Amino acid sequence: MLLETAMLGQIGYEEEDIVTFANGIPGFEGCRQYIVIRQDAEEPIAYLQSVEEARLHFLMIDPFYVCKKYEFKLEEADLAELEIGSEEQVQVWSIVTAHEDVQETTLNLLAPIIINQYTRKGKQIILHSSPYRTKHKLSEMMAAVGGSGGA
């Protein structure tokens, strides 16, 4: 199938590539089907592109790439909803908010995108009682990775 996107042009995908967010993503509840677009499976950056709205996409980064000590526990209800039975099933992403001044670009560690890569179910989880915020400066985190091995 082909999808015409506003940012990436025409993208080819298969039905099994679709990730379904049962309740959408907070603020975008009307769109529930997305595809993850990566240039290379080894790259820590991807786009989450809506299948239903060509102009809706999110830039994402593997949070463990920039924050080696990033950790959280998924609630039992989330594990059940996403049908997660093992850690190997899980992909974790953080949404990046890009700014004209790249030094102001941030990532959201408080509300990661969780995808069961086998069932293709996804959800943005809000981590309650967490030390993380919605806006961590990516430049600072990347400097920490280069200097001390991660924040």
N, C-alpha and C. Protein backbone atom coordinates (compact mmCIF):
# COMPACT_ATOMS: atom_id res chain seq x y z
N MET A 1 0.84 -1.17 0.00
CA MET A 1 0.00 0.00 0.00
C MET A 1 0.89 1.24 0.00
N LEU A 2 0.34 2.33 -0.50
CA LEU A 2 1.08 3.57 -0.53
C LEU A 2 0.37 4.61 0.32
N LEU A 3 1.16 5.40 1.01
CA LEU A 3 0.64 6.47 1.85
C LEU A 3 1.33 7.75 1.46
N GLU A 4 0.56 8.75 1.12
CA GLU A 4 1.11 10.07 0.78
C GLU A 4 1.21 10.86 2.07
N THR A 5 2.43 11.25 2.44
CA THR A 5 2.63 12.00 3.69
C THR A 5 3.08 13.42 3.37
N ALA A 6 2.80 14.33 4.27
CA ALA A 6 3.17 15.72 4.08
C ALA A 6 4.68 15.92 4.23
N MET A 7 5.31 15.19 5.13
CA MET A 7 6.72 15.41 5.44
C MET A 7 7.66 14.51 4.64
N LEU A 8 7.29 13.26 4.47
CA LEU A 8 8.20 12.27 3.88
C LEU A 8 7.84 11.86 2.46
N GLY A 9 6.81 12.46 1.89
CA GLY A 9 6.40 12.08 0.55
C GLY A 9 5.64 10.77 0.57
N GLN A 10 5.76 10.01 -0.50
CA GLN A 10 5.03 8.75 -0.62
C GLN A 10 5.81 7.62 0.07
N ILE A 11 5.09 6.89 0.93
CA ILE A 11 5.68 5.80 1.71
C ILE A 11 4.95 4.51 1.39
N GLY A 12 5.70 3.46 1.12
CA GLY A 12 5.10 2.14 0.93
C GLY A 12 5.07 1.41 2.26
N TYR A 13 3.98 0.73 2.52
CA TYR A 13 3.87 -0.05 3.76
C TYR A 13 2.91 -1.21 3.55
N GLU A 14 2.97 -2.15 4.46
CA GLU A 14 2.09 -3.31 4.45
C GLU A 14 1.10 -3.21 5.60
N GLU A 15 0.01 -3.91 5.51
CA GLU A 15 -1.01 -3.92 6.56
C GLU A 15 -0.40 -4.31 7.91
N GLU A 16 0.53 -5.26 7.90
CA GLU A 16 1.13 -5.72 9.15
C GLU A 16 2.10 -4.70 9.76
N ASP A 17 2.42 -3.61 9.05
CA ASP A 17 3.26 -2.54 9.59
C ASP A 17 2.48 -1.59 10.49
N ILE A 18 1.17 -1.63 10.41
CA ILE A 18 0.35 -0.67 11.15
C ILE A 18 0.36 -0.98 12.64
N VAL A 19 0.60 0.07 13.43
CA VAL A 19 0.52 0.01 14.88
C VAL A 19 -0.79 0.70 15.26
N THR A 20 -1.60 0.00 16.05
CA THR A 20 -2.90 0.55 16.45
C THR A 20 -2.84 1.05 17.88
N PHE A 21 -3.21 2.31 18.05
CA PHE A 21 -3.34 2.93 19.36
C PHE A 21 -4.84 2.96 19.65
N ALA A 22 -5.32 2.09 20.52
CA ALA A 22 -6.75 1.91 20.76
C ALA A 22 -7.46 3.22 21.09
N ASN A 23 -6.80 4.10 21.82
CA ASN A 23 -7.40 5.38 22.20
C ASN A 23 -6.71 6.56 21.53
N GLY A 24 -5.94 6.30 20.50
CA GLY A 24 -5.18 7.37 19.88
C GLY A 24 -4.02 7.79 20.76
N ILE A 25 -3.43 8.90 20.43
CA ILE A 25 -2.35 9.50 21.23
C ILE A 25 -2.95 10.74 21.86
N PRO A 26 -2.70 11.01 23.15
CA PRO A 26 -3.30 12.18 23.79
C PRO A 26 -3.14 13.45 22.95
N GLY A 27 -4.26 14.10 22.71
CA GLY A 27 -4.29 15.28 21.86
C GLY A 27 -4.61 14.96 20.41
N PHE A 28 -4.50 13.69 20.04
CA PHE A 28 -4.74 13.24 18.67
C PHE A 28 -5.57 11.96 18.68
N GLU A 29 -6.59 11.94 19.52
CA GLU A 29 -7.39 10.74 19.75
C GLU A 29 -8.11 10.24 18.50
N GLY A 30 -8.34 11.11 17.53
CA GLY A 30 -9.05 10.73 16.31
C GLY A 30 -8.24 9.86 15.37
N CYS A 31 -6.94 9.86 15.51
CA CYS A 31 -6.07 9.03 14.67
C CYS A 31 -5.54 7.87 15.49
N ARG A 32 -5.79 6.68 15.01
CA ARG A 32 -5.43 5.49 15.80
C ARG A 32 -4.49 4.54 15.10
N GLN A 33 -4.23 4.75 13.83
CA GLN A 33 -3.34 3.85 13.10
C GLN A 33 -2.12 4.61 12.60
N TYR A 34 -0.96 4.04 12.89
CA TYR A 34 0.31 4.68 12.57
C TYR A 34 1.27 3.63 12.02
N ILE A 35 2.29 4.11 11.34
CA ILE A 35 3.41 3.25 10.98
C ILE A 35 4.69 3.91 11.50
N VAL A 36 5.63 3.06 11.90
CA VAL A 36 6.94 3.54 12.35
C VAL A 36 7.86 3.50 11.14
N ILE A 37 8.45 4.64 10.83
CA ILE A 37 9.32 4.75 9.66
C ILE A 37 10.74 5.00 10.14
N ARG A 38 11.62 4.09 9.74
CA ARG A 38 13.04 4.21 10.10
C ARG A 38 13.87 4.06 8.84
N GLN A 39 14.91 4.87 8.74
CA GLN A 39 15.84 4.74 7.61
C GLN A 39 16.63 3.44 7.74
N ASP A 40 16.99 3.11 8.98
CA ASP A 40 17.83 1.95 9.24
C ASP A 40 17.42 1.41 10.61
N ALA A 41 17.28 0.11 10.72
CA ALA A 41 16.85 -0.50 11.98
C ALA A 41 17.80 -0.23 13.14
N GLU A 42 19.04 0.12 12.84
CA GLU A 42 20.02 0.40 13.88
C GLU A 42 20.00 1.87 14.33
N GLU A 43 19.34 2.72 13.59
CA GLU A 43 19.28 4.15 13.93
C GLU A 43 18.35 4.37 15.12
N PRO A 44 18.70 5.29 16.02
CA PRO A 44 17.85 5.54 17.19
C PRO A 44 16.70 6.51 16.93
N ILE A 45 16.53 6.95 15.68
CA ILE A 45 15.50 7.94 15.34
C ILE A 45 14.50 7.33 14.37
N ALA A 46 13.22 7.71 14.56
CA ALA A 46 12.16 7.21 13.68
C ALA A 46 11.04 8.25 13.61
N TYR A 47 10.17 8.07 12.65
CA TYR A 47 8.94 8.85 12.56
C TYR A 47 7.78 7.93 12.90
N LEU A 48 6.81 8.47 13.60
CA LEU A 48 5.54 7.79 13.82
C LEU A 48 4.54 8.53 12.96
N GLN A 49 4.18 7.94 11.84
CA GLN A 49 3.33 8.57 10.83
C GLN A 49 1.92 8.04 10.90
N SER A 50 0.95 8.94 11.00
CA SER A 50 -0.45 8.54 10.97
C SER A 50 -0.80 8.01 9.59
N VAL A 51 -1.54 6.93 9.57
CA VAL A 51 -2.04 6.38 8.31
C VAL A 51 -3.31 7.14 7.90
N GLU A 52 -3.99 7.73 8.87
CA GLU A 52 -5.27 8.39 8.62
C GLU A 52 -5.15 9.87 8.29
N GLU A 53 -4.06 10.50 8.66
CA GLU A 53 -3.87 11.93 8.45
C GLU A 53 -2.45 12.19 7.96
N ALA A 54 -2.34 12.54 6.69
CA ALA A 54 -1.03 12.70 6.04
C ALA A 54 -0.13 13.72 6.72
N ARG A 55 -0.71 14.73 7.36
CA ARG A 55 0.09 15.79 7.99
C ARG A 55 0.49 15.46 9.43
N LEU A 56 0.00 14.36 9.98
CA LEU A 56 0.28 14.03 11.37
C LEU A 56 1.41 13.01 11.49
N HIS A 57 2.49 13.46 12.06
CA HIS A 57 3.63 12.57 12.33
C HIS A 57 4.37 13.11 13.54
N PHE A 58 5.10 12.22 14.18
CA PHE A 58 5.90 12.56 15.34
C PHE A 58 7.32 12.09 15.10
N LEU A 59 8.27 12.91 15.46
CA LEU A 59 9.67 12.51 15.44
C LEU A 59 9.93 11.83 16.77
N MET A 60 10.57 10.67 16.74
CA MET A 60 10.82 9.90 17.97
C MET A 60 12.29 9.50 18.03
N ILE A 61 12.73 9.26 19.26
CA ILE A 61 14.09 8.77 19.48
C ILE A 61 14.03 7.66 20.52
N ASP A 62 14.95 6.72 20.39
CA ASP A 62 15.09 5.66 21.39
C ASP A 62 15.63 6.33 22.66
N PRO A 63 14.86 6.40 23.73
CA PRO A 63 15.31 7.12 24.92
C PRO A 63 16.54 6.50 25.58
N PHE A 64 16.76 5.22 25.39
CA PHE A 64 17.91 4.56 25.99
C PHE A 64 19.22 4.95 25.29
N TYR A 65 19.10 5.48 24.09
CA TYR A 65 20.26 5.97 23.35
C TYR A 65 20.83 7.23 23.99
N VAL A 66 19.95 8.07 24.52
CA VAL A 66 20.39 9.34 25.10
C VAL A 66 20.35 9.35 26.62
N CYS A 67 19.74 8.34 27.22
CA CYS A 67 19.62 8.28 28.67
C CYS A 67 19.78 6.83 29.10
N LYS A 68 21.03 6.41 29.28
CA LYS A 68 21.33 5.01 29.56
C LYS A 68 20.64 4.51 30.83
N LYS A 69 20.38 5.41 31.77
CA LYS A 69 19.77 5.01 33.04
C LYS A 69 18.25 5.18 33.05
N TYR A 70 17.67 5.42 31.90
CA TYR A 70 16.22 5.59 31.80
C TYR A 70 15.54 4.29 32.20
N GLU A 71 14.63 4.38 33.14
CA GLU A 71 13.90 3.17 33.53
C GLU A 71 12.55 3.55 34.10
N PHE A 72 11.64 2.62 33.96
CA PHE A 72 10.28 2.78 34.48
C PHE A 72 9.63 1.42 34.50
N LYS A 73 8.53 1.34 35.19
CA LYS A 73 7.79 0.08 35.28
C LYS A 73 6.41 0.30 34.68
N LEU A 74 6.02 -0.57 33.79
CA LEU A 74 4.69 -0.49 33.20
C LEU A 74 3.67 -1.07 34.18
N GLU A 75 2.53 -0.42 34.26
CA GLU A 75 1.44 -0.91 35.11
C GLU A 75 0.87 -2.19 34.51
N GLU A 76 0.32 -3.04 35.36
CA GLU A 76 -0.28 -4.30 34.91
C GLU A 76 -1.37 -4.06 33.86
N ALA A 77 -2.17 -3.02 34.05
CA ALA A 77 -3.24 -2.72 33.09
C ALA A 77 -2.68 -2.40 31.71
N ASP A 78 -1.56 -1.68 31.66
CA ASP A 78 -0.93 -1.35 30.38
C ASP A 78 -0.33 -2.60 29.73
N LEU A 79 0.30 -3.43 30.54
CA LEU A 79 0.84 -4.69 30.02
C LEU A 79 -0.27 -5.54 29.40
N ALA A 80 -1.41 -5.62 30.09
CA ALA A 80 -2.54 -6.41 29.60
C ALA A 80 -3.11 -5.79 28.33
N GLU A 81 -3.30 -4.48 28.33
CA GLU A 81 -3.89 -3.80 27.16
C GLU A 81 -3.02 -3.98 25.91
N LEU A 82 -1.71 -3.92 26.09
CA LEU A 82 -0.79 -4.06 24.97
C LEU A 82 -0.39 -5.51 24.70
N GLU A 83 -0.91 -6.43 25.54
CA GLU A 83 -0.63 -7.86 25.41
C GLU A 83 0.86 -8.15 25.48
N ILE A 84 1.53 -7.48 26.42
CA ILE A 84 2.97 -7.65 26.60
C ILE A 84 3.22 -8.77 27.60
N GLY A 85 3.96 -9.77 27.15
CA GLY A 85 4.29 -10.89 28.01
C GLY A 85 5.77 -10.96 28.34
N SER A 86 6.59 -10.26 27.53
CA SER A 86 8.03 -10.26 27.78
C SER A 86 8.65 -8.95 27.30
N GLU A 87 9.79 -8.64 27.85
CA GLU A 87 10.49 -7.41 27.52
C GLU A 87 10.90 -7.38 26.04
N GLU A 88 11.15 -8.53 25.46
CA GLU A 88 11.57 -8.60 24.06
C GLU A 88 10.51 -8.08 23.09
N GLN A 89 9.26 -8.07 23.53
CA GLN A 89 8.17 -7.61 22.67
C GLN A 89 8.11 -6.09 22.57
N VAL A 90 8.77 -5.40 23.48
CA VAL A 90 8.55 -3.97 23.68
C VAL A 90 9.53 -3.09 22.93
N GLN A 91 8.98 -2.09 22.26
CA GLN A 91 9.76 -0.99 21.71
C GLN A 91 9.37 0.24 22.52
N VAL A 92 10.36 1.04 22.91
CA VAL A 92 10.10 2.26 23.67
C VAL A 92 10.66 3.43 22.88
N TRP A 93 9.84 4.46 22.74
CA TRP A 93 10.23 5.67 22.02
C TRP A 93 9.86 6.90 22.84
N SER A 94 10.60 7.96 22.64
CA SER A 94 10.27 9.26 23.23
C SER A 94 10.00 10.23 22.10
N ILE A 95 8.95 11.01 22.24
CA ILE A 95 8.63 12.02 21.23
C ILE A 95 9.58 13.20 21.36
N VAL A 96 10.09 13.64 20.23
CA VAL A 96 11.01 14.78 20.16
C VAL A 96 10.22 15.99 19.67
N THR A 97 10.42 17.11 20.35
CA THR A 97 9.84 18.37 19.89
C THR A 97 10.98 19.20 19.33
N ALA A 98 11.01 19.32 18.00
CA ALA A 98 12.08 20.04 17.33
C ALA A 98 11.82 21.54 17.39
N HIS A 99 12.89 22.29 17.48
CA HIS A 99 12.82 23.75 17.50
C HIS A 99 13.76 24.30 16.43
N GLU A 100 13.46 25.51 15.99
CA GLU A 100 14.31 26.16 15.01
C GLU A 100 15.75 26.23 15.52
N ASP A 101 15.89 26.61 16.79
CA ASP A 101 17.20 26.58 17.44
C ASP A 101 17.39 25.16 17.97
N VAL A 102 18.23 24.39 17.33
CA VAL A 102 18.40 22.98 17.67
C VAL A 102 18.76 22.77 19.14
N GLN A 103 19.39 23.75 19.76
CA GLN A 103 19.73 23.64 21.18
C GLN A 103 18.48 23.59 22.07
N GLU A 104 17.35 24.02 21.55
CA GLU A 104 16.10 24.03 22.30
C GLU A 104 15.24 22.79 22.04
N THR A 105 15.70 21.89 21.20
CA THR A 105 14.96 20.66 20.90
C THR A 105 14.87 19.81 22.17
N THR A 106 13.68 19.28 22.43
CA THR A 106 13.46 18.52 23.66
C THR A 106 12.90 17.14 23.36
N LEU A 107 13.01 16.25 24.36
CA LEU A 107 12.34 14.96 24.25
C LEU A 107 11.53 14.72 25.51
N ASN A 108 10.48 13.96 25.34
CA ASN A 108 9.52 13.69 26.40
C ASN A 108 9.83 12.32 27.01
N LEU A 109 10.42 12.34 28.21
CA LEU A 109 10.69 11.09 28.92
C LEU A 109 9.56 10.73 29.88
N LEU A 110 8.67 11.67 30.15
CA LEU A 110 7.57 11.42 31.07
C LEU A 110 6.46 10.56 30.44
N ALA A 111 6.32 10.65 29.13
CA ALA A 111 5.22 9.94 28.46
C ALA A 111 5.74 9.19 27.24
N PRO A 112 6.43 8.07 27.45
CA PRO A 112 6.98 7.32 26.33
C PRO A 112 5.89 6.64 25.49
N ILE A 113 6.23 6.42 24.24
CA ILE A 113 5.40 5.62 23.34
C ILE A 113 5.86 4.17 23.51
N ILE A 114 4.93 3.30 23.85
CA ILE A 114 5.23 1.88 24.03
C ILE A 114 4.54 1.11 22.91
N ILE A 115 5.30 0.27 22.22
CA ILE A 115 4.75 -0.53 21.12
C ILE A 115 5.10 -1.99 21.35
N ASN A 116 4.08 -2.84 21.28
CA ASN A 116 4.32 -4.27 21.26
C ASN A 116 4.61 -4.61 19.80
N GLN A 117 5.85 -4.91 19.51
CA GLN A 117 6.24 -5.11 18.12
C GLN A 117 5.68 -6.39 17.50
N TYR A 118 5.08 -7.27 18.31
CA TYR A 118 4.48 -8.49 17.78
C TYR A 118 2.98 -8.33 17.54
N THR A 119 2.27 -7.75 18.49
CA THR A 119 0.83 -7.56 18.31
C THR A 119 0.51 -6.28 17.57
N ARG A 120 1.50 -5.39 17.45
CA ARG A 120 1.37 -4.09 16.77
C ARG A 120 0.37 -3.18 17.49
N LYS A 121 0.34 -3.30 18.82
CA LYS A 121 -0.49 -2.41 19.63
C LYS A 121 0.43 -1.39 20.28
N GLY A 122 -0.05 -0.13 20.35
CA GLY A 122 0.76 0.92 20.93
C GLY A 122 -0.03 1.79 21.88
N LYS A 123 0.70 2.51 22.71
CA LYS A 123 0.06 3.41 23.67
C LYS A 123 1.11 4.40 24.16
N GLN A 124 0.67 5.65 24.34
CA GLN A 124 1.54 6.60 25.02
C GLN A 124 1.20 6.50 26.50
N ILE A 125 2.19 6.15 27.29
CA ILE A 125 2.02 5.92 28.72
C ILE A 125 2.50 7.15 29.49
N ILE A 126 1.72 7.62 30.42
CA ILE A 126 2.17 8.70 31.30
C ILE A 126 2.68 8.06 32.58
N LEU A 127 3.94 8.35 32.88
CA LEU A 127 4.59 7.76 34.05
C LEU A 127 4.29 8.63 35.28
N HIS A 128 3.39 8.17 36.10
CA HIS A 128 3.03 8.89 37.31
C HIS A 128 4.13 8.69 38.36
N SER A 129 4.29 9.65 39.23
CA SER A 129 5.32 9.60 40.29
C SER A 129 6.70 9.32 39.68
N SER A 130 7.03 10.08 38.66
CA SER A 130 8.28 9.88 37.93
C SER A 130 9.18 11.10 38.05
N PRO A 131 10.49 10.89 38.05
CA PRO A 131 11.40 12.04 38.07
C PRO A 131 11.56 12.69 36.69
N TYR A 132 10.98 12.07 35.65
CA TYR A 132 11.13 12.57 34.29
C TYR A 132 10.14 13.69 33.99
N ARG A 133 10.49 14.48 32.96
CA ARG A 133 9.66 15.61 32.53
C ARG A 133 9.28 15.43 31.07
N THR A 134 8.40 16.30 30.61
CA THR A 134 8.00 16.27 29.20
C THR A 134 9.02 16.98 28.32
N LYS A 135 9.90 17.77 28.92
CA LYS A 135 10.87 18.54 28.12
C LYS A 135 12.27 18.44 28.69
N HIS A 136 13.00 17.45 28.19
CA HIS A 136 14.43 17.31 28.51
C HIS A 136 15.18 17.79 27.27
N LYS A 137 16.13 18.68 27.45
CA LYS A 137 16.88 19.20 26.30
C LYS A 137 17.74 18.09 25.69
N LEU A 138 17.50 17.83 24.44
CA LEU A 138 18.23 16.78 23.74
C LEU A 138 19.72 17.09 23.67
N SER A 139 20.09 18.35 23.47
CA SER A 139 21.50 18.72 23.38
C SER A 139 22.24 18.38 24.67
N GLU A 140 21.61 18.62 25.81
CA GLU A 140 22.23 18.30 27.10
C GLU A 140 22.36 16.80 27.30
N MET A 141 21.35 16.07 26.88
CA MET A 141 21.38 14.62 27.02
C MET A 141 22.43 14.01 26.10
N MET A 142 22.56 14.53 24.88
CA MET A 142 23.55 14.02 23.95
C MET A 142 24.96 14.34 24.46
N ALA A 143 25.14 15.50 25.09
CA ALA A 143 26.44 15.86 25.66
C ALA A 143 26.79 14.89 26.78
N ALA A 144 25.80 14.50 27.58
CA ALA A 144 26.03 13.55 28.67
C ALA A 144 26.43 12.19 28.12
N VAL A 145 25.79 11.77 27.03
CA VAL A 145 26.13 10.49 26.41
C VAL A 145 27.57 10.51 25.92
N GLY A 146 27.98 11.61 25.30
CA GLY A 146 29.34 11.72 24.79
C GLY A 146 30.38 11.84 25.88
N GLY A 147 29.98 12.45 27.01
CA GLY A 147 30.95 12.69 28.07
C GLY A 147 31.03 11.60 29.11
N SER A 148 29.88 11.19 29.63
CA SER A 148 29.92 10.28 30.78
C SER A 148 29.18 8.98 30.56
N GLY A 149 28.74 8.73 29.34
CA GLY A 149 28.08 7.47 29.08
C GLY A 149 26.60 7.47 29.36
N GLY A 150 25.99 8.64 29.53
CA GLY A 150 24.55 8.70 29.68
C GLY A 150 24.13 9.35 30.97
N ALA A 151 22.95 9.93 30.95
CA ALA A 151 22.41 10.62 32.12
C ALA A 151 21.77 9.67 33.08
